[in-house]
Each structure stands twice: as structure tokens, then as C-alpha cells.
Amino acid sequence: MSQDITIYNRVKGTLKSMDLDQQSLASKLGVTQTMVSMALRGKNEKTFQRLLTLMEQDYGVNLRESSTPSDIEQIKADLQTLKAQMDILIKSVEDLKGRL
């Protein structure tokens, strides 16, 4: 297993959250479900690399780069800003409903 174990866990978690099963991935890659299973366990590096490329190209998900703590803090700050903006929008919609 030449990859860091965390990338395998990130890929598995991402696939689960996207509701993608091994059979559909195997079909897209032109391999067997067993090969995908082996790749996700770190037993087939070539297929794993193809899986990462598929995730990037077909789903726009880059799992090769890990998030750093500063990235995570920036994401949290961005989410807080979005939440504040959404709260303003929700209040505006409620005000409009009250006027109707």
C-alpha cells in the first residue's frame, strides 16, 4: 500500500456520501467489482489511481490533496459567512410573506 491510508478512507467516505457503489464504479472503469474492492483496500494501486482520476473527471472531486488545518478554518469561516447571508435572505422572504 504505497498511498497513505487516509486517502483510502477519504475515498471510501466520499463514495458512500455520494451513494456510489463498487459495481457502478467498476462498470465505469471497465473492470470487475472485485478489482474496485481491492483498490479501495490498497491491494490494486493501478485501479485506485484510475478511480481517483474518475472521481476528478466525472464528479469534480479531488481526493488527492488533503485539507490542511488552515484550509479547514477558511472553510468554516466561509460557511459562517454563507449562513449569515442565508439568515438575511430568510428574514427578507418572511418579511415579504408578511406583506402579502
PDB file of N, CA and C in Angstrom:
ATOM      1  N   MET A   1       0.860  -1.161   0.000  1.00  0.00           N
ATOM      2  CA  MET A   1       0.000   0.000   0.000  1.00  0.00           C
ATOM      3  C   MET A   1       0.912   1.232   0.000  1.00  0.00           C
ATOM      4  N   SER A   2       1.129   1.799  -1.176  1.00  0.00           N
ATOM      5  CA  SER A   2       2.042   2.926  -1.266  1.00  0.00           C
ATOM      6  C   SER A   2       1.367   4.243  -0.910  1.00  0.00           C
ATOM      7  N   GLN A   3       0.057   4.317  -1.002  1.00  0.00           N
ATOM      8  CA  GLN A   3      -0.667   5.531  -0.636  1.00  0.00           C
ATOM      9  C   GLN A   3      -0.833   5.583   0.881  1.00  0.00           C
ATOM     10  N   ASP A   4      -0.966   6.799   1.399  1.00  0.00           N
ATOM     11  CA  ASP A   4      -1.279   6.991   2.804  1.00  0.00           C
ATOM     12  C   ASP A   4      -2.682   6.425   3.056  1.00  0.00           C
ATOM     13  N   ILE A   5      -2.859   5.730   4.167  1.00  0.00           N
ATOM     14  CA  ILE A   5      -4.146   5.088   4.476  1.00  0.00           C
ATOM     15  C   ILE A   5      -5.294   6.097   4.511  1.00  0.00           C
ATOM     16  N   THR A   6      -5.007   7.353   4.837  1.00  0.00           N
ATOM     17  CA  THR A   6      -6.081   8.335   4.941  1.00  0.00           C
ATOM     18  C   THR A   6      -6.753   8.592   3.602  1.00  0.00           C
ATOM     19  N   ILE A   7      -6.005   8.502   2.506  1.00  0.00           N
ATOM     20  CA  ILE A   7      -6.638   8.742   1.201  1.00  0.00           C
ATOM     21  C   ILE A   7      -7.644   7.638   0.880  1.00  0.00           C
ATOM     22  N   TYR A   8      -7.345   6.421   1.260  1.00  0.00           N
ATOM     23  CA  TYR A   8      -8.287   5.324   1.030  1.00  0.00           C
ATOM     24  C   TYR A   8      -9.567   5.565   1.841  1.00  0.00           C
ATOM     25  N   ASN A   9      -9.401   5.995   3.077  1.00  0.00           N
ATOM     26  CA  ASN A   9     -10.571   6.279   3.923  1.00  0.00           C
ATOM     27  C   ASN A   9     -11.365   7.456   3.380  1.00  0.00           C
ATOM     28  N   ARG A  10     -10.681   8.484   2.871  1.00  0.00           N
ATOM     29  CA  ARG A  10     -11.383   9.629   2.287  1.00  0.00           C
ATOM     30  C   ARG A  10     -12.163   9.203   1.052  1.00  0.00           C
ATOM     31  N   VAL A  11     -11.558   8.372   0.221  1.00  0.00           N
ATOM     32  CA  VAL A  11     -12.245   7.904  -0.993  1.00  0.00           C
ATOM     33  C   VAL A  11     -13.475   7.090  -0.604  1.00  0.00           C
ATOM     34  N   LYS A  12     -13.320   6.162   0.322  1.00  0.00           N
ATOM     35  CA  LYS A  12     -14.452   5.339   0.750  1.00  0.00           C
ATOM     36  C   LYS A  12     -15.574   6.209   1.317  1.00  0.00           C
ATOM     37  N   GLY A  13     -15.219   7.154   2.173  1.00  0.00           N
ATOM     38  CA  GLY A  13     -16.218   8.039   2.761  1.00  0.00           C
ATOM     39  C   GLY A  13     -16.919   8.884   1.713  1.00  0.00           C
ATOM     40  N   THR A  14     -16.160   9.373   0.748  1.00  0.00           N
ATOM     41  CA  THR A  14     -16.743  10.187  -0.317  1.00  0.00           C
ATOM     42  C   THR A  14     -17.684   9.361  -1.176  1.00  0.00           C
ATOM     43  N   LEU A  15     -17.260   8.165  -1.537  1.00  0.00           N
ATOM     44  CA  LEU A  15     -18.114   7.293  -2.345  1.00  0.00           C
ATOM     45  C   LEU A  15     -19.417   6.991  -1.612  1.00  0.00           C
ATOM     46  N   LYS A  16     -19.314   6.735  -0.315  1.00  0.00           N
ATOM     47  CA  LYS A  16     -20.513   6.446   0.481  1.00  0.00           C
ATOM     48  C   LYS A  16     -21.437   7.662   0.523  1.00  0.00           C
ATOM     49  N   SER A  17     -20.851   8.843   0.737  1.00  0.00           N
ATOM     50  CA  SER A  17     -21.680  10.050   0.814  1.00  0.00           C
ATOM     51  C   SER A  17     -22.325  10.382  -0.522  1.00  0.00           C
ATOM     52  N   MET A  18     -21.690   9.967  -1.620  1.00  0.00           N
ATOM     53  CA  MET A  18     -22.243  10.213  -2.952  1.00  0.00           C
ATOM     54  C   MET A  18     -23.153   9.073  -3.394  1.00  0.00           C
ATOM     55  N   ASP A  19     -23.298   8.054  -2.548  1.00  0.00           N
ATOM     56  CA  ASP A  19     -24.129   6.884  -2.832  1.00  0.00           C
ATOM     57  C   ASP A  19     -23.680   6.174  -4.113  1.00  0.00           C
ATOM     58  N   LEU A  20     -22.355   6.064  -4.278  1.00  0.00           N
ATOM     59  CA  LEU A  20     -21.790   5.341  -5.420  1.00  0.00           C
ATOM     60  C   LEU A  20     -21.351   3.964  -4.954  1.00  0.00           C
ATOM     61  N   ASP A  21     -21.825   2.937  -5.639  1.00  0.00           N
ATOM     62  CA  ASP A  21     -21.445   1.591  -5.248  1.00  0.00           C
ATOM     63  C   ASP A  21     -20.289   1.078  -6.110  1.00  0.00           C
ATOM     64  N   GLN A  22     -19.657   0.041  -5.620  1.00  0.00           N
ATOM     65  CA  GLN A  22     -18.493  -0.517  -6.302  1.00  0.00           C
ATOM     66  C   GLN A  22     -18.833  -1.053  -7.689  1.00  0.00           C
ATOM     67  N   GLN A  23     -20.010  -1.607  -7.844  1.00  0.00           N
ATOM     68  CA  GLN A  23     -20.390  -2.169  -9.142  1.00  0.00           C
ATOM     69  C   GLN A  23     -20.485  -1.081 -10.208  1.00  0.00           C
ATOM     70  N   SER A  24     -21.101   0.052  -9.867  1.00  0.00           N
ATOM     71  CA  SER A  24     -21.217   1.129 -10.863  1.00  0.00           C
ATOM     72  C   SER A  24     -19.854   1.719 -11.183  1.00  0.00           C
ATOM     73  N   LEU A  25     -18.984   1.820 -10.183  1.00  0.00           N
ATOM     74  CA  LEU A  25     -17.627   2.303 -10.440  1.00  0.00           C
ATOM     75  C   LEU A  25     -16.872   1.323 -11.332  1.00  0.00           C
ATOM     76  N   ALA A  26     -17.032   0.052 -11.056  1.00  0.00           N
ATOM     77  CA  ALA A  26     -16.370  -0.974 -11.866  1.00  0.00           C
ATOM     78  C   ALA A  26     -16.820  -0.869 -13.314  1.00  0.00           C
ATOM     79  N   SER A  27     -18.105  -0.674 -13.514  1.00  0.00           N
ATOM     80  CA  SER A  27     -18.649  -0.547 -14.858  1.00  0.00           C
ATOM     81  C   SER A  27     -18.047   0.652 -15.579  1.00  0.00           C
ATOM     82  N   LYS A  28     -17.968   1.779 -14.889  1.00  0.00           N
ATOM     83  CA  LYS A  28     -17.389   2.986 -15.492  1.00  0.00           C
ATOM     84  C   LYS A  28     -15.909   2.809 -15.826  1.00  0.00           C
ATOM     85  N   LEU A  29     -15.203   2.057 -14.982  1.00  0.00           N
ATOM     86  CA  LEU A  29     -13.768   1.844 -15.192  1.00  0.00           C
ATOM     87  C   LEU A  29     -13.476   0.683 -16.146  1.00  0.00           C
ATOM     88  N   GLY A  30     -14.489  -0.131 -16.427  1.00  0.00           N
ATOM     89  CA  GLY A  30     -14.280  -1.287 -17.291  1.00  0.00           C
ATOM     90  C   GLY A  30     -13.505  -2.401 -16.610  1.00  0.00           C
ATOM     91  N   VAL A  31     -13.728  -2.529 -15.287  1.00  0.00           N
ATOM     92  CA  VAL A  31     -13.073  -3.578 -14.516  1.00  0.00           C
ATOM     93  C   VAL A  31     -14.141  -4.313 -13.715  1.00  0.00           C
ATOM     94  N   THR A  32     -13.722  -5.310 -12.966  1.00  0.00           N
ATOM     95  CA  THR A  32     -14.669  -6.049 -12.137  1.00  0.00           C
ATOM     96  C   THR A  32     -14.873  -5.347 -10.802  1.00  0.00           C
ATOM     97  N   GLN A  33     -15.971  -5.675 -10.141  1.00  0.00           N
ATOM     98  CA  GLN A  33     -16.243  -5.132  -8.812  1.00  0.00           C
ATOM     99  C   GLN A  33     -15.152  -5.565  -7.846  1.00  0.00           C
ATOM    100  N   THR A  34     -14.625  -6.768  -8.018  1.00  0.00           N
ATOM    101  CA  THR A  34     -13.552  -7.272  -7.159  1.00  0.00           C
ATOM    102  C   THR A  34     -12.314  -6.386  -7.263  1.00  0.00           C
ATOM    103  N   MET A  35     -12.011  -5.934  -8.484  1.00  0.00           N
ATOM    104  CA  MET A  35     -10.848  -5.063  -8.667  1.00  0.00           C
ATOM    105  C   MET A  35     -11.038  -3.728  -7.953  1.00  0.00           C
ATOM    106  N   VAL A  36     -12.257  -3.201  -7.998  1.00  0.00           N
ATOM    107  CA  VAL A  36     -12.543  -1.940  -7.294  1.00  0.00           C
ATOM    108  C   VAL A  36     -12.406  -2.170  -5.791  1.00  0.00           C
ATOM    109  N   SER A  37     -12.939  -3.276  -5.298  1.00  0.00           N
ATOM    110  CA  SER A  37     -12.852  -3.605  -3.887  1.00  0.00           C
ATOM    111  C   SER A  37     -11.385  -3.703  -3.456  1.00  0.00           C
ATOM    112  N   MET A  38     -10.593  -4.374  -4.245  1.00  0.00           N
ATOM    113  CA  MET A  38      -9.162  -4.497  -3.945  1.00  0.00           C
ATOM    114  C   MET A  38      -8.490  -3.123  -3.943  1.00  0.00           C
ATOM    115  N   ALA A  39      -8.859  -2.286  -4.906  1.00  0.00           N
ATOM    116  CA  ALA A  39      -8.272  -0.946  -4.993  1.00  0.00           C
ATOM    117  C   ALA A  39      -8.586  -0.138  -3.738  1.00  0.00           C
ATOM    118  N   LEU A  40      -9.819  -0.235  -3.256  1.00  0.00           N
ATOM    119  CA  LEU A  40     -10.234   0.516  -2.079  1.00  0.00           C
ATOM    120  C   LEU A  40      -9.606  -0.008  -0.794  1.00  0.00           C
ATOM    121  N   ARG A  41      -9.065  -1.221  -0.851  1.00  0.00           N
ATOM    122  CA  ARG A  41      -8.352  -1.791   0.302  1.00  0.00           C
ATOM    123  C   ARG A  41      -6.841  -1.619   0.158  1.00  0.00           C
ATOM    124  N   GLY A  42      -6.414  -0.954  -0.924  1.00  0.00           N
ATOM    125  CA  GLY A  42      -4.985  -0.726  -1.129  1.00  0.00           C
ATOM    126  C   GLY A  42      -4.256  -1.893  -1.752  1.00  0.00           C
ATOM    127  N   LYS A  43      -4.989  -2.806  -2.374  1.00  0.00           N
ATOM    128  CA  LYS A  43      -4.388  -4.002  -2.965  1.00  0.00           C
ATOM    129  C   LYS A  43      -4.223  -3.905  -4.482  1.00  0.00           C
ATOM    130  N   ASN A  44      -4.690  -2.810  -5.096  1.00  0.00           N
ATOM    131  CA  ASN A  44      -4.588  -2.643  -6.546  1.00  0.00           C
ATOM    132  C   ASN A  44      -4.371  -1.155  -6.838  1.00  0.00           C
ATOM    133  N   GLU A  45      -3.104  -0.751  -6.829  1.00  0.00           N
ATOM    134  CA  GLU A  45      -2.734   0.657  -6.974  1.00  0.00           C
ATOM    135  C   GLU A  45      -3.152   1.235  -8.321  1.00  0.00           C
ATOM    136  N   LYS A  46      -2.998   0.468  -9.383  1.00  0.00           N
ATOM    137  CA  LYS A  46      -3.344   0.961 -10.728  1.00  0.00           C
ATOM    138  C   LYS A  46      -4.835   1.306 -10.808  1.00  0.00           C
ATOM    139  N   THR A  47      -5.673   0.421 -10.334  1.00  0.00           N
ATOM    140  CA  THR A  47      -7.117   0.672 -10.359  1.00  0.00           C
ATOM    141  C   THR A  47      -7.474   1.817  -9.419  1.00  0.00           C
ATOM    142  N   PHE A  48      -6.780   1.915  -8.294  1.00  0.00           N
ATOM    143  CA  PHE A  48      -7.046   3.005  -7.365  1.00  0.00           C
ATOM    144  C   PHE A  48      -6.737   4.355  -8.020  1.00  0.00           C
ATOM    145  N   GLN A  49      -5.637   4.436  -8.733  1.00  0.00           N
ATOM    146  CA  GLN A  49      -5.289   5.679  -9.429  1.00  0.00           C
ATOM    147  C   GLN A  49      -6.337   6.015 -10.492  1.00  0.00           C
ATOM    148  N   ARG A  50      -6.812   4.999 -11.191  1.00  0.00           N
ATOM    149  CA  ARG A  50      -7.877   5.205 -12.186  1.00  0.00           C
ATOM    150  C   ARG A  50      -9.159   5.673 -11.507  1.00  0.00           C
ATOM    151  N   LEU A  51      -9.431   5.143 -10.336  1.00  0.00           N
ATOM    152  CA  LEU A  51     -10.612   5.541  -9.571  1.00  0.00           C
ATOM    153  C   LEU A  51     -10.502   7.018  -9.153  1.00  0.00           C
ATOM    154  N   LEU A  52      -9.326   7.433  -8.708  1.00  0.00           N
ATOM    155  CA  LEU A  52      -9.117   8.835  -8.344  1.00  0.00           C
ATOM    156  C   LEU A  52      -9.332   9.750  -9.554  1.00  0.00           C
ATOM    157  N   THR A  53      -8.823   9.337 -10.699  1.00  0.00           N
ATOM    158  CA  THR A  53      -8.996  10.118 -11.922  1.00  0.00           C
ATOM    159  C   THR A  53     -10.469  10.194 -12.305  1.00  0.00           C
ATOM    160  N   LEU A  54     -11.181   9.096 -12.202  1.00  0.00           N
ATOM    161  CA  LEU A  54     -12.620   9.077 -12.482  1.00  0.00           C
ATOM    162  C   LEU A  54     -13.364  10.040 -11.567  1.00  0.00           C
ATOM    163  N   MET A  55     -13.036  10.015 -10.283  1.00  0.00           N
ATOM    164  CA  MET A  55     -13.686  10.912  -9.329  1.00  0.00           C
ATOM    165  C   MET A  55     -13.446  12.379  -9.704  1.00  0.00           C
ATOM    166  N   GLU A  56     -12.242  12.686 -10.145  1.00  0.00           N
ATOM    167  CA  GLU A  56     -11.915  14.056 -10.533  1.00  0.00           C
ATOM    168  C   GLU A  56     -12.655  14.457 -11.806  1.00  0.00           C
ATOM    169  N   GLN A  57     -12.601  13.602 -12.814  1.00  0.00           N
ATOM    170  CA  GLN A  57     -13.147  13.956 -14.123  1.00  0.00           C
ATOM    171  C   GLN A  57     -14.668  13.889 -14.173  1.00  0.00           C
ATOM    172  N   ASP A  58     -15.253  12.847 -13.636  1.00  0.00           N
ATOM    173  CA  ASP A  58     -16.699  12.657 -13.745  1.00  0.00           C
ATOM    174  C   ASP A  58     -17.495  13.347 -12.637  1.00  0.00           C
ATOM    175  N   TYR A  59     -16.883  13.501 -11.466  1.00  0.00           N
ATOM    176  CA  TYR A  59     -17.629  14.027 -10.328  1.00  0.00           C
ATOM    177  C   TYR A  59     -17.048  15.324  -9.766  1.00  0.00           C
ATOM    178  N   GLY A  60     -15.921  15.779 -10.314  1.00  0.00           N
ATOM    179  CA  GLY A  60     -15.314  17.026  -9.864  1.00  0.00           C
ATOM    180  C   GLY A  60     -14.792  16.981  -8.439  1.00  0.00           C
ATOM    181  N   VAL A  61     -14.418  15.793  -7.966  1.00  0.00           N
ATOM    182  CA  VAL A  61     -13.939  15.626  -6.600  1.00  0.00           C
ATOM    183  C   VAL A  61     -12.457  15.297  -6.631  1.00  0.00           C
ATOM    184  N   ASN A  62     -11.640  16.158  -6.020  1.00  0.00           N
ATOM    185  CA  ASN A  62     -10.202  15.915  -5.957  1.00  0.00           C
ATOM    186  C   ASN A  62      -9.867  15.377  -4.572  1.00  0.00           C
ATOM    187  N   LEU A  63      -9.550  14.112  -4.521  1.00  0.00           N
ATOM    188  CA  LEU A  63      -9.241  13.473  -3.252  1.00  0.00           C
ATOM    189  C   LEU A  63      -7.742  13.266  -3.058  1.00  0.00           C
ATOM    190  N   ARG A  64      -6.951  13.688  -4.030  1.00  0.00           N
ATOM    191  CA  ARG A  64      -5.503  13.503  -3.933  1.00  0.00           C
ATOM    192  C   ARG A  64      -4.877  14.500  -2.961  1.00  0.00           C
ATOM    193  N   GLU A  65      -5.497  15.658  -2.822  1.00  0.00           N
ATOM    194  CA  GLU A  65      -4.956  16.681  -1.939  1.00  0.00           C
ATOM    195  C   GLU A  65      -5.702  16.648  -0.620  1.00  0.00           C
ATOM    196  N   SER A  66      -4.944  16.665   0.448  1.00  0.00           N
ATOM    197  CA  SER A  66      -5.596  16.672   1.761  1.00  0.00           C
ATOM    198  C   SER A  66      -5.775  18.108   2.220  1.00  0.00           C
ATOM    199  N   SER A  67      -6.769  18.296   3.036  1.00  0.00           N
ATOM    200  CA  SER A  67      -7.021  19.616   3.596  1.00  0.00           C
ATOM    201  C   SER A  67      -6.066  19.862   4.754  1.00  0.00           C
ATOM    202  N   THR A  68      -5.552  21.054   4.826  1.00  0.00           N
ATOM    203  CA  THR A  68      -4.708  21.439   5.953  1.00  0.00           C
ATOM    204  C   THR A  68      -5.581  22.136   6.984  1.00  0.00           C
ATOM    205  N   PRO A  69      -5.110  22.258   8.205  1.00  0.00           N
ATOM    206  CA  PRO A  69      -5.919  22.946   9.217  1.00  0.00           C
ATOM    207  C   PRO A  69      -6.320  24.361   8.796  1.00  0.00           C
ATOM    208  N   SER A  70      -5.432  25.077   8.105  1.00  0.00           N
ATOM    209  CA  SER A  70      -5.802  26.437   7.681  1.00  0.00           C
ATOM    210  C   SER A  70      -6.908  26.384   6.631  1.00  0.00           C
ATOM    211  N   ASP A  71      -6.884  25.366   5.762  1.00  0.00           N
ATOM    212  CA  ASP A  71      -7.966  25.197   4.782  1.00  0.00           C
ATOM    213  C   ASP A  71      -9.286  24.964   5.502  1.00  0.00           C
ATOM    214  N   ILE A  72      -9.255  24.150   6.519  1.00  0.00           N
ATOM    215  CA  ILE A  72     -10.463  23.824   7.265  1.00  0.00           C
ATOM    216  C   ILE A  72     -10.997  25.067   7.966  1.00  0.00           C
ATOM    217  N   GLU A  73     -10.111  25.863   8.529  1.00  0.00           N
ATOM    218  CA  GLU A  73     -10.539  27.096   9.192  1.00  0.00           C
ATOM    219  C   GLU A  73     -11.151  28.064   8.189  1.00  0.00           C
ATOM    220  N   GLN A  74     -10.580  28.137   6.978  1.00  0.00           N
ATOM    221  CA  GLN A  74     -11.133  29.015   5.948  1.00  0.00           C
ATOM    222  C   GLN A  74     -12.512  28.531   5.514  1.00  0.00           C
ATOM    223  N   ILE A  75     -12.659  27.237   5.397  1.00  0.00           N
ATOM    224  CA  ILE A  75     -13.952  26.662   5.027  1.00  0.00           C
ATOM    225  C   ILE A  75     -14.989  27.000   6.101  1.00  0.00           C
ATOM    226  N   LYS A  76     -14.609  26.856   7.366  1.00  0.00           N
ATOM    227  CA  LYS A  76     -15.529  27.188   8.455  1.00  0.00           C
ATOM    228  C   LYS A  76     -15.935  28.656   8.392  1.00  0.00           C
ATOM    229  N   ALA A  77     -14.965  29.538   8.142  1.00  0.00           N
ATOM    230  CA  ALA A  77     -15.268  30.972   8.058  1.00  0.00           C
ATOM    231  C   ALA A  77     -16.204  31.258   6.888  1.00  0.00           C
ATOM    232  N   ASP A  78     -15.940  30.619   5.759  1.00  0.00           N
ATOM    233  CA  ASP A  78     -16.795  30.802   4.583  1.00  0.00           C
ATOM    234  C   ASP A  78     -18.216  30.315   4.861  1.00  0.00           C
ATOM    235  N   LEU A  79     -18.330  29.203   5.558  1.00  0.00           N
ATOM    236  CA  LEU A  79     -19.653  28.675   5.894  1.00  0.00           C
ATOM    237  C   LEU A  79     -20.398  29.605   6.842  1.00  0.00           C
ATOM    238  N   GLN A  80     -19.688  30.199   7.783  1.00  0.00           N
ATOM    239  CA  GLN A  80     -20.321  31.153   8.692  1.00  0.00           C
ATOM    240  C   GLN A  80     -20.844  32.364   7.926  1.00  0.00           C
ATOM    241  N   THR A  81     -20.051  32.841   6.951  1.00  0.00           N
ATOM    242  CA  THR A  81     -20.480  33.971   6.119  1.00  0.00           C
ATOM    243  C   THR A  81     -21.722  33.604   5.322  1.00  0.00           C
ATOM    244  N   LEU A  82     -21.705  32.411   4.722  1.00  0.00           N
ATOM    245  CA  LEU A  82     -22.874  31.958   3.964  1.00  0.00           C
ATOM    246  C   LEU A  82     -24.099  31.826   4.854  1.00  0.00           C
ATOM    247  N   LYS A  83     -23.915  31.317   6.061  1.00  0.00           N
ATOM    248  CA  LYS A  83     -25.039  31.184   6.985  1.00  0.00           C
ATOM    249  C   LYS A  83     -25.629  32.544   7.305  1.00  0.00           C
ATOM    250  N   ALA A  84     -24.782  33.531   7.554  1.00  0.00           N
ATOM    251  CA  ALA A  84     -25.268  34.880   7.856  1.00  0.00           C
ATOM    252  C   ALA A  84     -26.047  35.443   6.669  1.00  0.00           C
ATOM    253  N   GLN A  85     -25.544  35.221   5.474  1.00  0.00           N
ATOM    254  CA  GLN A  85     -26.240  35.696   4.274  1.00  0.00           C
ATOM    255  C   GLN A  85     -27.582  34.982   4.098  1.00  0.00           C
ATOM    256  N   MET A  86     -27.609  33.691   4.364  1.00  0.00           N
ATOM    257  CA  MET A  86     -28.854  32.931   4.258  1.00  0.00           C
ATOM    258  C   MET A  86     -29.866  33.411   5.288  1.00  0.00           C
ATOM    259  N   ASP A  87     -29.397  33.707   6.495  1.00  0.00           N
ATOM    260  CA  ASP A  87     -30.298  34.218   7.535  1.00  0.00           C
ATOM    261  C   ASP A  87     -30.948  35.525   7.085  1.00  0.00           C
ATOM    262  N   ILE A  88     -30.171  36.390   6.448  1.00  0.00           N
ATOM    263  CA  ILE A  88     -30.709  37.662   5.940  1.00  0.00           C
ATOM    264  C   ILE A  88     -31.750  37.396   4.858  1.00  0.00           C
ATOM    265  N   LEU A  89     -31.442  36.472   3.957  1.00  0.00           N
ATOM    266  CA  LEU A  89     -32.392  36.136   2.886  1.00  0.00           C
ATOM    267  C   LEU A  89     -33.683  35.555   3.445  1.00  0.00           C
ATOM    268  N   ILE A  90     -33.551  34.681   4.409  1.00  0.00           N
ATOM    269  CA  ILE A  90     -34.736  34.062   5.009  1.00  0.00           C
ATOM    270  C   ILE A  90     -35.599  35.125   5.677  1.00  0.00           C
ATOM    271  N   LYS A  91     -34.982  36.036   6.404  1.00  0.00           N
ATOM    272  CA  LYS A  91     -35.728  37.120   7.047  1.00  0.00           C
ATOM    273  C   LYS A  91     -36.429  37.985   6.001  1.00  0.00           C
ATOM    274  N   SER A  92     -35.744  38.266   4.894  1.00  0.00           N
ATOM    275  CA  SER A  92     -36.354  39.065   3.826  1.00  0.00           C
ATOM    276  C   SER A  92     -37.557  38.358   3.219  1.00  0.00           C
ATOM    277  N   VAL A  93     -37.458  37.072   3.008  1.00  0.00           N
ATOM    278  CA  VAL A  93     -38.575  36.302   2.451  1.00  0.00           C
ATOM    279  C   VAL A  93     -39.739  36.295   3.433  1.00  0.00           C
ATOM    280  N   GLU A  94     -39.448  36.118   4.716  1.00  0.00           N
ATOM    281  CA  GLU A  94     -40.512  36.137   5.728  1.00  0.00           C
ATOM    282  C   GLU A  94     -41.190  37.506   5.772  1.00  0.00           C
ATOM    283  N   ASP A  95     -40.410  38.583   5.649  1.00  0.00           N
ATOM    284  CA  ASP A  95     -40.985  39.933   5.615  1.00  0.00           C
ATOM    285  C   ASP A  95     -41.899  40.103   4.403  1.00  0.00           C
ATOM    286  N   LEU A  96     -41.456  39.571   3.266  1.00  0.00           N
ATOM    287  CA  LEU A  96     -42.272  39.666   2.054  1.00  0.00           C
ATOM    288  C   LEU A  96     -43.575  38.877   2.201  1.00  0.00           C
ATOM    289  N   LYS A  97     -43.485  37.706   2.808  1.00  0.00           N
ATOM    290  CA  LYS A  97     -44.691  36.904   3.034  1.00  0.00           C
ATOM    291  C   LYS A  97     -45.668  37.660   3.923  1.00  0.00           C
ATOM    292  N   GLY A  98     -45.145  38.358   4.923  1.00  0.00           N
ATOM    293  CA  GLY A  98     -45.993  39.106   5.837  1.00  0.00           C
ATOM    294  C   GLY A  98     -46.701  40.263   5.153  1.00  0.00           C
ATOM    295  N   ARG A  99     -46.116  40.778   4.108  1.00  0.00           N
ATOM    296  CA  ARG A  99     -46.717  41.893   3.371  1.00  0.00           C
ATOM    297  C   ARG A  99     -47.802  41.428   2.398  1.00  0.00           C
ATOM    298  N   LEU A 100     -47.782  40.175   2.040  1.00  0.00           N
ATOM    299  CA  LEU A 100     -48.756  39.664   1.078  1.00  0.00           C
ATOM    300  C   LEU A 100     -50.053  39.337   1.699  1.00  0.00           C
TER     301      LEU A 100
END
